[in-house]
Amino acid sequence: MNAVIDVQHLKKTFNKETALQDVSFTIQKGEIFGFLGPSGSGKTTTIKILTAQTEKTAGNVLLFGQPAAGMKQSQNRKRFGILTDNSGLYTRLTIEENLLLYSKLYELSVTAVKEALDFVNLYADRKKKISQLSKGMIQRVTLARAIMHKPELLFLDEPTSALDPVNTEHIYNGLRKLNAMGTTIFLTTHDMSEAEILCDRVAFLHKGKIRAIGAPSDLKQEFGTDSMTVELTDGTQEVIQNGAQDAQKLYQWMQANIVTRIHTNEPTLGDIFMQITGSDLV
């Protein structure tokens, strides 16, 4: 596999404030990579550096094997798409008119507009003006614009923060299809369930530093325990560990037919984040 993004010892300061300090990670082609952390942890700053919207203070940042600053060039901008909280849409125009304008910049067919609208479940609303839309609908239009040229690399900054559960699931399915076609996805979120559903690997960012990185399943194994909780018919809950003594207890309860439910005490990504950093993802 080839690294689409390679970040080594990245640092970013604003005046006397340090937003990122010694951040390093790589993202391979075809991965969905989650960059997880609370507001103000440096997630959006990282995206802005990767997409050449702001300059790094120190470190090496490569996209497609080239310095990130080169992403300003038109031929490179076509290689990625981006969804941020800054929509940049023309409010007096309709959804469809906005996407048609964008399609001309990328020399795309009208078919690409329809495909993008179907992707975000907005084709039926295509004649509505941007000024008439809810925050969630604007977010979906911006996502349609980001994916309509089928980029090699897609940056998503909190992509479903304003969406209802039905449209969130629709977007998830679309992102999986896009990823299956070869698009690498860099996802920032503070929604741990979203990260578990979508991401191959995640990095925990806290106060400008990466505190842990790995596949969700590997992180759960590393920071979890081997215990299980057994719920009995009298309403009590018993925590048992791996081992012969507790296995015998479970066997006896099963023989007596007094077990109503058994579940592993596997930590969530949110639990792991709190364990590592001592703070919550808010």
C-alpha atoms as a PDB file:
ATOM      1  CA  MET A   1       0.000   0.000   0.000  1.00  0.00           C
ATOM      2  CA  ASN A   2       1.068   3.594  -0.628  1.00  0.00           C
ATOM      3  CA  ALA A   3       0.846   6.462   1.842  1.00  0.00           C
ATOM      4  CA  VAL A   4      -1.601   9.076   0.579  1.00  0.00           C
ATOM      5  CA  ILE A   5      -0.866  11.287   3.593  1.00  0.00           C
ATOM      6  CA  ASP A   6       2.420  11.312   5.486  1.00  0.00           C
ATOM      7  CA  VAL A   7       2.752  13.715   8.419  1.00  0.00           C
ATOM      8  CA  GLN A   8       5.938  13.812  10.471  1.00  0.00           C
ATOM      9  CA  HIS A   9       6.575  16.037  13.514  1.00  0.00           C
ATOM     10  CA  LEU A  10       3.961  18.607  12.500  1.00  0.00           C
ATOM     11  CA  LYS A  11       3.783  21.742  14.609  1.00  0.00           C
ATOM     12  CA  LYS A  12       1.497  24.763  14.280  1.00  0.00           C
ATOM     13  CA  THR A  13       1.487  27.881  16.429  1.00  0.00           C
ATOM     14  CA  PHE A  14      -0.764  30.947  16.308  1.00  0.00           C
ATOM     15  CA  ASN A  15       1.032  33.861  17.929  1.00  0.00           C
ATOM     16  CA  LYS A  16       2.016  32.351  21.290  1.00  0.00           C
ATOM     17  CA  GLU A  17      -0.578  29.563  21.224  1.00  0.00           C
ATOM     18  CA  THR A  18       0.452  26.065  20.113  1.00  0.00           C
ATOM     19  CA  ALA A  19      -2.354  24.314  18.225  1.00  0.00           C
ATOM     20  CA  LEU A  20      -0.362  21.242  17.131  1.00  0.00           C
ATOM     21  CA  GLN A  21       2.851  19.896  18.610  1.00  0.00           C
ATOM     22  CA  ASP A  22       4.919  17.048  17.153  1.00  0.00           C
ATOM     23  CA  VAL A  23       2.023  15.306  15.369  1.00  0.00           C
ATOM     24  CA  SER A  24       2.980  12.288  13.220  1.00  0.00           C
ATOM     25  CA  PHE A  25       0.799   9.798  11.301  1.00  0.00           C
ATOM     26  CA  THR A  26       0.435   8.173   7.888  1.00  0.00           C
ATOM     27  CA  ILE A  27      -2.698   7.218   5.967  1.00  0.00           C
ATOM     28  CA  GLN A  28      -2.568   4.481   3.361  1.00  0.00           C
ATOM     29  CA  LYS A  29      -4.469   4.466   0.081  1.00  0.00           C
ATOM     30  CA  GLY A  30      -8.005   3.184   0.572  1.00  0.00           C
ATOM     31  CA  GLU A  31      -8.164   3.751   4.332  1.00  0.00           C
ATOM     32  CA  ILE A  32     -10.900   5.501   6.280  1.00  0.00           C
ATOM     33  CA  PHE A  33      -8.889   7.255   8.972  1.00  0.00           C
ATOM     34  CA  GLY A  34     -10.544   8.899  11.962  1.00  0.00           C
ATOM     35  CA  PHE A  35      -8.959  11.926  13.621  1.00  0.00           C
ATOM     36  CA  LEU A  36     -10.771  12.083  16.935  1.00  0.00           C
ATOM     37  CA  GLY A  37     -10.822  14.746  19.582  1.00  0.00           C
ATOM     38  CA  PRO A  38     -12.914  17.424  21.298  1.00  0.00           C
ATOM     39  CA  SER A  39     -13.468  20.901  19.887  1.00  0.00           C
ATOM     40  CA  GLY A  40     -10.270  22.924  20.001  1.00  0.00           C
ATOM     41  CA  SER A  41      -7.945  19.913  19.952  1.00  0.00           C
ATOM     42  CA  GLY A  42      -6.456  20.791  16.534  1.00  0.00           C
ATOM     43  CA  LYS A  43      -8.514  18.656  14.142  1.00  0.00           C
ATOM     44  CA  THR A  44      -9.651  21.451  11.806  1.00  0.00           C
ATOM     45  CA  THR A  45      -6.214  23.080  11.899  1.00  0.00           C
ATOM     46  CA  THR A  46      -4.728  19.799  10.676  1.00  0.00           C
ATOM     47  CA  ILE A  47      -7.157  19.648   7.740  1.00  0.00           C
ATOM     48  CA  LYS A  48      -6.355  23.253   6.809  1.00  0.00           C
ATOM     49  CA  ILE A  49      -2.644  22.444   6.721  1.00  0.00           C
ATOM     50  CA  LEU A  50      -3.182  19.268   4.698  1.00  0.00           C
ATOM     51  CA  THR A  51      -5.300  21.132   2.139  1.00  0.00           C
ATOM     52  CA  ALA A  52      -2.918  24.117   1.888  1.00  0.00           C
ATOM     53  CA  GLN A  53      -5.372  26.579   3.470  1.00  0.00           C
ATOM     54  CA  THR A  54      -2.814  27.470   6.138  1.00  0.00           C
ATOM     55  CA  GLU A  55       0.916  26.915   6.518  1.00  0.00           C
ATOM     56  CA  LYS A  56       2.631  24.676   9.051  1.00  0.00           C
ATOM     57  CA  THR A  57       5.081  26.079  11.556  1.00  0.00           C
ATOM     58  CA  ALA A  58       7.397  23.060  11.425  1.00  0.00           C
ATOM     59  CA  GLY A  59       7.530  19.428  10.311  1.00  0.00           C
ATOM     60  CA  ASN A  60       6.992  17.541   7.050  1.00  0.00           C
ATOM     61  CA  VAL A  61       3.559  17.112   5.456  1.00  0.00           C
ATOM     62  CA  LEU A  62       3.165  15.136   2.223  1.00  0.00           C
ATOM     63  CA  LEU A  63       0.060  14.358   0.166  1.00  0.00           C
ATOM     64  CA  PHE A  64       0.442  11.941  -2.732  1.00  0.00           C
ATOM     65  CA  GLY A  65       4.194  12.172  -2.090  1.00  0.00           C
ATOM     66  CA  GLN A  66       4.243  15.959  -2.586  1.00  0.00           C
ATOM     67  CA  PRO A  67       4.524  18.810  -0.065  1.00  0.00           C
ATOM     68  CA  ALA A  68       1.068  19.882   1.127  1.00  0.00           C
ATOM     69  CA  ALA A  69       1.662  23.414  -0.169  1.00  0.00           C
ATOM     70  CA  GLY A  70       1.432  21.980  -3.680  1.00  0.00           C
ATOM     71  CA  MET A  71      -2.251  21.208  -3.142  1.00  0.00           C
ATOM     72  CA  LYS A  72      -2.974  24.834  -4.089  1.00  0.00           C
ATOM     73  CA  GLN A  73      -2.210  23.957  -7.724  1.00  0.00           C
ATOM     74  CA  SER A  74      -5.322  23.336  -9.821  1.00  0.00           C
ATOM     75  CA  GLN A  75      -4.246  19.892 -11.021  1.00  0.00           C
ATOM     76  CA  ASN A  76      -3.765  18.781  -7.421  1.00  0.00           C
ATOM     77  CA  ARG A  77      -6.967  20.352  -6.098  1.00  0.00           C
ATOM     78  CA  LYS A  78      -8.909  17.991  -8.366  1.00  0.00           C
ATOM     79  CA  ARG A  79      -7.423  15.064  -6.471  1.00  0.00           C
ATOM     80  CA  PHE A  80      -9.204  15.816  -3.201  1.00  0.00           C
ATOM     81  CA  GLY A  81     -12.581  16.935  -1.886  1.00  0.00           C
ATOM     82  CA  ILE A  82     -13.313  18.713   1.376  1.00  0.00           C
ATOM     83  CA  LEU A  83     -16.272  19.243   3.671  1.00  0.00           C
ATOM     84  CA  THR A  84     -15.852  21.835   6.424  1.00  0.00           C
ATOM     85  CA  ASP A  85     -18.174  24.128   8.370  1.00  0.00           C
ATOM     86  CA  ASN A  86     -17.504  26.892   5.830  1.00  0.00           C
ATOM     87  CA  SER A  87     -19.959  26.035   3.063  1.00  0.00           C
ATOM     88  CA  GLY A  88     -19.111  28.766   0.513  1.00  0.00           C
ATOM     89  CA  LEU A  89     -22.448  28.210  -1.251  1.00  0.00           C
ATOM     90  CA  TYR A  90     -24.350  30.889  -3.188  1.00  0.00           C
ATOM     91  CA  THR A  91     -27.430  31.481  -1.068  1.00  0.00           C
ATOM     92  CA  ARG A  92     -29.538  33.035  -3.852  1.00  0.00           C
ATOM     93  CA  LEU A  93     -29.086  30.023  -6.112  1.00  0.00           C
ATOM     94  CA  THR A  94     -30.727  26.630  -5.877  1.00  0.00           C
ATOM     95  CA  ILE A  95     -28.994  23.460  -4.754  1.00  0.00           C
ATOM     96  CA  GLU A  96     -28.793  22.270  -8.348  1.00  0.00           C
ATOM     97  CA  GLU A  97     -27.497  25.603  -9.656  1.00  0.00           C
ATOM     98  CA  ASN A  98     -24.710  25.608  -7.056  1.00  0.00           C
ATOM     99  CA  LEU A  99     -23.596  22.132  -8.052  1.00  0.00           C
ATOM    100  CA  LEU A 100     -23.832  22.909 -11.771  1.00  0.00           C
ATOM    101  CA  LEU A 101     -21.473  25.860 -11.272  1.00  0.00           C
ATOM    102  CA  TYR A 102     -19.040  23.635  -9.431  1.00  0.00           C
ATOM    103  CA  SER A 103     -19.310  20.907 -12.076  1.00  0.00           C
ATOM    104  CA  LYS A 104     -18.198  23.377 -14.754  1.00  0.00           C
ATOM    105  CA  LEU A 105     -15.047  24.192 -12.780  1.00  0.00           C
ATOM    106  CA  TYR A 106     -14.157  20.512 -12.835  1.00  0.00           C
ATOM    107  CA  GLU A 107     -15.461  19.913 -16.363  1.00  0.00           C
ATOM    108  CA  LEU A 108     -17.987  17.359 -15.131  1.00  0.00           C
ATOM    109  CA  SER A 109     -21.129  16.168 -16.857  1.00  0.00           C
ATOM    110  CA  VAL A 110     -24.659  16.948 -15.673  1.00  0.00           C
ATOM    111  CA  THR A 111     -24.871  13.284 -14.673  1.00  0.00           C
ATOM    112  CA  ALA A 112     -22.295  13.955 -11.954  1.00  0.00           C
ATOM    113  CA  VAL A 113     -24.648  16.489 -10.364  1.00  0.00           C
ATOM    114  CA  LYS A 114     -27.497  13.972 -10.186  1.00  0.00           C
ATOM    115  CA  GLU A 115     -25.215  11.286  -8.779  1.00  0.00           C
ATOM    116  CA  ALA A 116     -23.993  13.653  -6.070  1.00  0.00           C
ATOM    117  CA  LEU A 117     -27.538  14.702  -5.158  1.00  0.00           C
ATOM    118  CA  ASP A 118     -28.616  11.056  -4.925  1.00  0.00           C
ATOM    119  CA  PHE A 119     -25.581  10.395  -2.713  1.00  0.00           C
ATOM    120  CA  VAL A 120     -26.801  12.922  -0.128  1.00  0.00           C
ATOM    121  CA  ASN A 121     -30.528  12.187  -0.613  1.00  0.00           C
ATOM    122  CA  LEU A 122     -31.333  15.644  -1.983  1.00  0.00           C
ATOM    123  CA  TYR A 123     -32.372  15.079  -5.597  1.00  0.00           C
ATOM    124  CA  ALA A 124     -36.040  15.776  -4.819  1.00  0.00           C
ATOM    125  CA  ASP A 125     -35.045  19.107  -3.213  1.00  0.00           C
ATOM    126  CA  ARG A 126     -32.679  20.246  -5.975  1.00  0.00           C
ATOM    127  CA  LYS A 127     -34.804  23.311  -6.915  1.00  0.00           C
ATOM    128  CA  LYS A 128     -34.733  24.781  -3.399  1.00  0.00           C
ATOM    129  CA  LYS A 129     -32.617  27.879  -2.799  1.00  0.00           C
ATOM    130  CA  ILE A 130     -29.737  27.603  -0.352  1.00  0.00           C
ATOM    131  CA  SER A 131     -31.270  30.442   1.703  1.00  0.00           C
ATOM    132  CA  GLN A 132     -34.282  28.196   2.382  1.00  0.00           C
ATOM    133  CA  LEU A 133     -32.323  25.229   3.694  1.00  0.00           C
ATOM    134  CA  SER A 134     -31.747  23.965   7.211  1.00  0.00           C
ATOM    135  CA  LYS A 135     -28.229  23.584   8.577  1.00  0.00           C
ATOM    136  CA  GLY A 136     -28.386  19.844   7.975  1.00  0.00           C
ATOM    137  CA  MET A 137     -29.424  20.271   4.343  1.00  0.00           C
ATOM    138  CA  ILE A 138     -26.639  22.794   3.739  1.00  0.00           C
ATOM    139  CA  GLN A 139     -24.191  20.281   5.154  1.00  0.00           C
ATOM    140  CA  ARG A 140     -25.462  17.653   2.714  1.00  0.00           C
ATOM    141  CA  VAL A 141     -25.148  20.057  -0.236  1.00  0.00           C
ATOM    142  CA  THR A 142     -21.569  20.805   0.768  1.00  0.00           C
ATOM    143  CA  LEU A 143     -20.855  17.085   0.973  1.00  0.00           C
ATOM    144  CA  ALA A 144     -22.360  16.588  -2.496  1.00  0.00           C
ATOM    145  CA  ARG A 145     -20.031  19.278  -3.815  1.00  0.00           C
ATOM    146  CA  ALA A 146     -17.047  17.612  -2.142  1.00  0.00           C
ATOM    147  CA  ILE A 147     -17.649  14.176  -3.694  1.00  0.00           C
ATOM    148  CA  MET A 148     -19.124  14.972  -7.111  1.00  0.00           C
ATOM    149  CA  HIS A 149     -15.748  14.838  -8.904  1.00  0.00           C
ATOM    150  CA  LYS A 150     -14.997  11.444  -7.269  1.00  0.00           C
ATOM    151  CA  PRO A 151     -11.790  12.559  -5.530  1.00  0.00           C
ATOM    152  CA  GLU A 152      -8.916  10.256  -4.643  1.00  0.00           C
ATOM    153  CA  LEU A 153      -8.871  11.750  -1.143  1.00  0.00           C
ATOM    154  CA  LEU A 154     -11.830  13.112   0.815  1.00  0.00           C
ATOM    155  CA  PHE A 155     -11.570  15.320   3.918  1.00  0.00           C
ATOM    156  CA  LEU A 156     -14.650  15.307   6.136  1.00  0.00           C
ATOM    157  CA  ASP A 157     -14.768  17.662   9.116  1.00  0.00           C
ATOM    158  CA  GLU A 158     -17.642  16.556  11.401  1.00  0.00           C
ATOM    159  CA  PRO A 159     -19.686  15.368   8.362  1.00  0.00           C
ATOM    160  CA  THR A 160     -22.888  14.321  10.153  1.00  0.00           C
ATOM    161  CA  SER A 161     -22.978  16.753  13.090  1.00  0.00           C
ATOM    162  CA  ALA A 162     -26.201  18.417  11.891  1.00  0.00           C
ATOM    163  CA  LEU A 163     -27.943  15.391  10.365  1.00  0.00           C
ATOM    164  CA  ASP A 164     -30.854  13.290  11.584  1.00  0.00           C
ATOM    165  CA  PRO A 165     -30.373   9.501  12.017  1.00  0.00           C
ATOM    166  CA  VAL A 166     -32.000   8.593   8.672  1.00  0.00           C
ATOM    167  CA  ASN A 167     -29.776  10.886   6.600  1.00  0.00           C
ATOM    168  CA  THR A 168     -26.743   9.990   8.721  1.00  0.00           C
ATOM    169  CA  GLU A 169     -27.184   6.324   7.806  1.00  0.00           C
ATOM    170  CA  HIS A 170     -27.693   7.306   4.146  1.00  0.00           C
ATOM    171  CA  ILE A 171     -24.391   9.214   4.200  1.00  0.00           C
ATOM    172  CA  TYR A 172     -22.607   6.329   5.919  1.00  0.00           C
ATOM    173  CA  ASN A 173     -23.722   3.946   3.170  1.00  0.00           C
ATOM    174  CA  GLY A 174     -22.605   6.396   0.501  1.00  0.00           C
ATOM    175  CA  LEU A 175     -19.188   6.866   2.108  1.00  0.00           C
ATOM    176  CA  ARG A 176     -18.686   3.103   2.261  1.00  0.00           C
ATOM    177  CA  LYS A 177     -19.465   2.836  -1.464  1.00  0.00           C
ATOM    178  CA  LEU A 178     -17.132   5.722  -2.259  1.00  0.00           C
ATOM    179  CA  ASN A 179     -14.380   4.107  -0.206  1.00  0.00           C
ATOM    180  CA  ALA A 180     -14.968   0.756  -1.929  1.00  0.00           C
ATOM    181  CA  MET A 181     -14.296   2.511  -5.250  1.00  0.00           C
ATOM    182  CA  GLY A 182     -10.873   3.597  -3.971  1.00  0.00           C
ATOM    183  CA  THR A 183     -11.370   6.957  -2.247  1.00  0.00           C
ATOM    184  CA  THR A 184      -9.240   7.469   0.851  1.00  0.00           C
ATOM    185  CA  ILE A 185     -11.174   9.267   3.616  1.00  0.00           C
ATOM    186  CA  PHE A 186      -9.798  11.489   6.379  1.00  0.00           C
ATOM    187  CA  LEU A 187     -12.567  11.979   8.930  1.00  0.00           C
ATOM    188  CA  THR A 188     -12.543  14.296  11.927  1.00  0.00           C
ATOM    189  CA  THR A 189     -15.217  13.786  14.543  1.00  0.00           C
ATOM    190  CA  HIS A 190     -15.938  13.784  18.257  1.00  0.00           C
ATOM    191  CA  ASP A 191     -18.654  11.149  17.692  1.00  0.00           C
ATOM    192  CA  MET A 192     -17.069   7.891  18.840  1.00  0.00           C
ATOM    193  CA  SER A 193     -19.884   5.702  17.490  1.00  0.00           C
ATOM    194  CA  GLU A 194     -19.380   7.253  14.046  1.00  0.00           C
ATOM    195  CA  ALA A 195     -15.680   6.442  14.203  1.00  0.00           C
ATOM    196  CA  GLU A 196     -16.356   2.837  15.204  1.00  0.00           C
ATOM    197  CA  ILE A 197     -18.846   2.405  12.362  1.00  0.00           C
ATOM    198  CA  LEU A 198     -16.695   3.905   9.600  1.00  0.00           C
ATOM    199  CA  CYS A 199     -12.988   3.911  10.419  1.00  0.00           C
ATOM    200  CA  ASP A 200     -10.243   1.387   9.717  1.00  0.00           C
ATOM    201  CA  ARG A 201      -7.900   3.242  12.092  1.00  0.00           C
ATOM    202  CA  VAL A 202      -8.261   6.166  14.458  1.00  0.00           C
ATOM    203  CA  ALA A 203      -5.977   8.652  16.174  1.00  0.00           C
ATOM    204  CA  PHE A 204      -6.861  10.365  19.450  1.00  0.00           C
ATOM    205  CA  LEU A 205      -5.892  14.038  19.372  1.00  0.00           C
ATOM    206  CA  HIS A 206      -5.816  15.934  22.659  1.00  0.00           C
ATOM    207  CA  LYS A 207      -4.384  19.400  23.238  1.00  0.00           C
ATOM    208  CA  GLY A 208      -2.441  19.289  19.987  1.00  0.00           C
ATOM    209  CA  LYS A 209      -0.858  15.867  20.543  1.00  0.00           C
ATOM    210  CA  ILE A 210      -1.734  12.376  19.314  1.00  0.00           C
ATOM    211  CA  ARG A 211      -2.220  10.238  22.421  1.00  0.00           C
ATOM    212  CA  ALA A 212      -2.969   6.890  20.737  1.00  0.00           C
ATOM    213  CA  ILE A 213      -3.406   5.509  17.228  1.00  0.00           C
ATOM    214  CA  GLY A 214      -4.612   2.177  15.858  1.00  0.00           C
ATOM    215  CA  ALA A 215      -7.568   0.100  14.666  1.00  0.00           C
ATOM    216  CA  PRO A 216     -10.600   0.432  16.979  1.00  0.00           C
ATOM    217  CA  SER A 217     -10.544  -3.306  17.712  1.00  0.00           C
ATOM    218  CA  ASP A 218      -6.831  -3.203  18.596  1.00  0.00           C
ATOM    219  CA  LEU A 219      -7.292  -0.203  20.890  1.00  0.00           C
ATOM    220  CA  LYS A 220     -10.197  -1.906  22.660  1.00  0.00           C
ATOM    221  CA  GLN A 221      -8.066  -4.986  23.228  1.00  0.00           C
ATOM    222  CA  GLU A 222      -5.111  -2.923  24.455  1.00  0.00           C
ATOM    223  CA  PHE A 223      -7.072  -0.773  26.895  1.00  0.00           C
ATOM    224  CA  GLY A 224      -9.869  -3.180  27.799  1.00  0.00           C
ATOM    225  CA  THR A 225     -10.217  -5.856  30.467  1.00  0.00           C
ATOM    226  CA  ASP A 226     -11.049  -9.531  30.181  1.00  0.00           C
ATOM    227  CA  SER A 227     -14.118  -9.273  32.398  1.00  0.00           C
ATOM    228  CA  MET A 228     -17.764 -10.008  31.633  1.00  0.00           C
ATOM    229  CA  THR A 229     -20.957  -8.959  33.362  1.00  0.00           C
ATOM    230  CA  VAL A 230     -23.548 -11.664  34.002  1.00  0.00           C
ATOM    231  CA  GLU A 231     -27.131 -10.595  34.741  1.00  0.00           C
ATOM    232  CA  LEU A 232     -29.141 -13.080  36.798  1.00  0.00           C
ATOM    233  CA  THR A 233     -32.884 -13.638  37.027  1.00  0.00           C
ATOM    234  CA  ASP A 234     -33.068 -12.033  40.494  1.00  0.00           C
ATOM    235  CA  GLY A 235     -31.801  -8.751  39.025  1.00  0.00           C
ATOM    236  CA  THR A 236     -28.246  -8.955  40.344  1.00  0.00           C
ATOM    237  CA  GLN A 237     -25.205  -8.381  38.143  1.00  0.00           C
ATOM    238  CA  GLU A 238     -22.013 -10.365  38.642  1.00  0.00           C
ATOM    239  CA  VAL A 239     -18.660  -9.370  37.141  1.00  0.00           C
ATOM    240  CA  ILE A 240     -16.464 -12.368  36.321  1.00  0.00           C
ATOM    241  CA  GLN A 241     -12.938 -12.699  34.954  1.00  0.00           C
ATOM    242  CA  ASN A 242     -11.342 -15.205  32.628  1.00  0.00           C
ATOM    243  CA  GLY A 243     -10.191 -18.191  34.662  1.00  0.00           C
ATOM    244  CA  ALA A 244     -11.263 -21.577  35.940  1.00  0.00           C
ATOM    245  CA  GLN A 245     -12.915 -20.348  39.161  1.00  0.00           C
ATOM    246  CA  ASP A 246     -15.214 -17.828  37.468  1.00  0.00           C
ATOM    247  CA  ALA A 247     -15.852 -20.236  34.593  1.00  0.00           C
ATOM    248  CA  GLN A 248     -17.174 -22.712  37.151  1.00  0.00           C
ATOM    249  CA  LYS A 249     -19.468 -20.021  38.602  1.00  0.00           C
ATOM    250  CA  LEU A 250     -20.878 -19.285  35.166  1.00  0.00           C
ATOM    251  CA  TYR A 251     -21.399 -22.986  34.498  1.00  0.00           C
ATOM    252  CA  GLN A 252     -23.351 -23.378  37.737  1.00  0.00           C
ATOM    253  CA  TRP A 253     -25.554 -20.367  36.965  1.00  0.00           C
ATOM    254  CA  MET A 254     -26.223 -21.728  33.488  1.00  0.00           C
ATOM    255  CA  GLN A 255     -27.086 -25.146  34.908  1.00  0.00           C
ATOM    256  CA  ALA A 256     -29.519 -23.512  37.310  1.00  0.00           C
ATOM    257  CA  ASN A 257     -31.061 -21.546  34.407  1.00  0.00           C
ATOM    258  CA  ILE A 258     -30.738 -18.218  36.215  1.00  0.00           C
ATOM    259  CA  VAL A 259     -28.739 -16.283  33.613  1.00  0.00           C
ATOM    260  CA  THR A 260     -30.692 -13.652  31.674  1.00  0.00           C
ATOM    261  CA  ARG A 261     -27.832 -11.923  29.825  1.00  0.00           C
ATOM    262  CA  ILE A 262     -24.061 -11.957  29.427  1.00  0.00           C
ATOM    263  CA  HIS A 263     -22.024  -9.139  27.921  1.00  0.00           C
ATOM    264  CA  THR A 264     -18.325  -8.358  27.684  1.00  0.00           C
ATOM    265  CA  ASN A 265     -17.040  -5.236  29.384  1.00  0.00           C
ATOM    266  CA  GLU A 266     -15.384  -3.980  26.212  1.00  0.00           C
ATOM    267  CA  PRO A 267     -14.554  -0.258  26.378  1.00  0.00           C
ATOM    268  CA  THR A 268     -15.939   2.190  23.838  1.00  0.00           C
ATOM    269  CA  LEU A 269     -13.594   4.557  22.032  1.00  0.00           C
ATOM    270  CA  GLY A 270     -14.943   7.269  24.315  1.00  0.00           C
ATOM    271  CA  ASP A 271     -13.957   5.200  27.357  1.00  0.00           C
ATOM    272  CA  ILE A 272     -10.456   4.747  25.956  1.00  0.00           C
ATOM    273  CA  PHE A 273     -10.111   8.454  25.225  1.00  0.00           C
ATOM    274  CA  MET A 274     -11.054   9.287  28.814  1.00  0.00           C
ATOM    275  CA  GLN A 275      -8.656   6.633  30.120  1.00  0.00           C
ATOM    276  CA  ILE A 276      -5.765   8.092  28.099  1.00  0.00           C
ATOM    277  CA  THR A 277      -6.438  11.795  28.539  1.00  0.00           C
ATOM    278  CA  GLY A 278      -8.548  12.076  31.671  1.00  0.00           C
ATOM    279  CA  SER A 279     -11.125  14.194  29.824  1.00  0.00           C
ATOM    280  CA  ASP A 280     -14.271  13.690  27.772  1.00  0.00           C
ATOM    281  CA  LEU A 281     -14.816  14.176  24.026  1.00  0.00           C
ATOM    282  CA  VAL A 282     -16.923  17.334  24.235  1.00  0.00           C
END
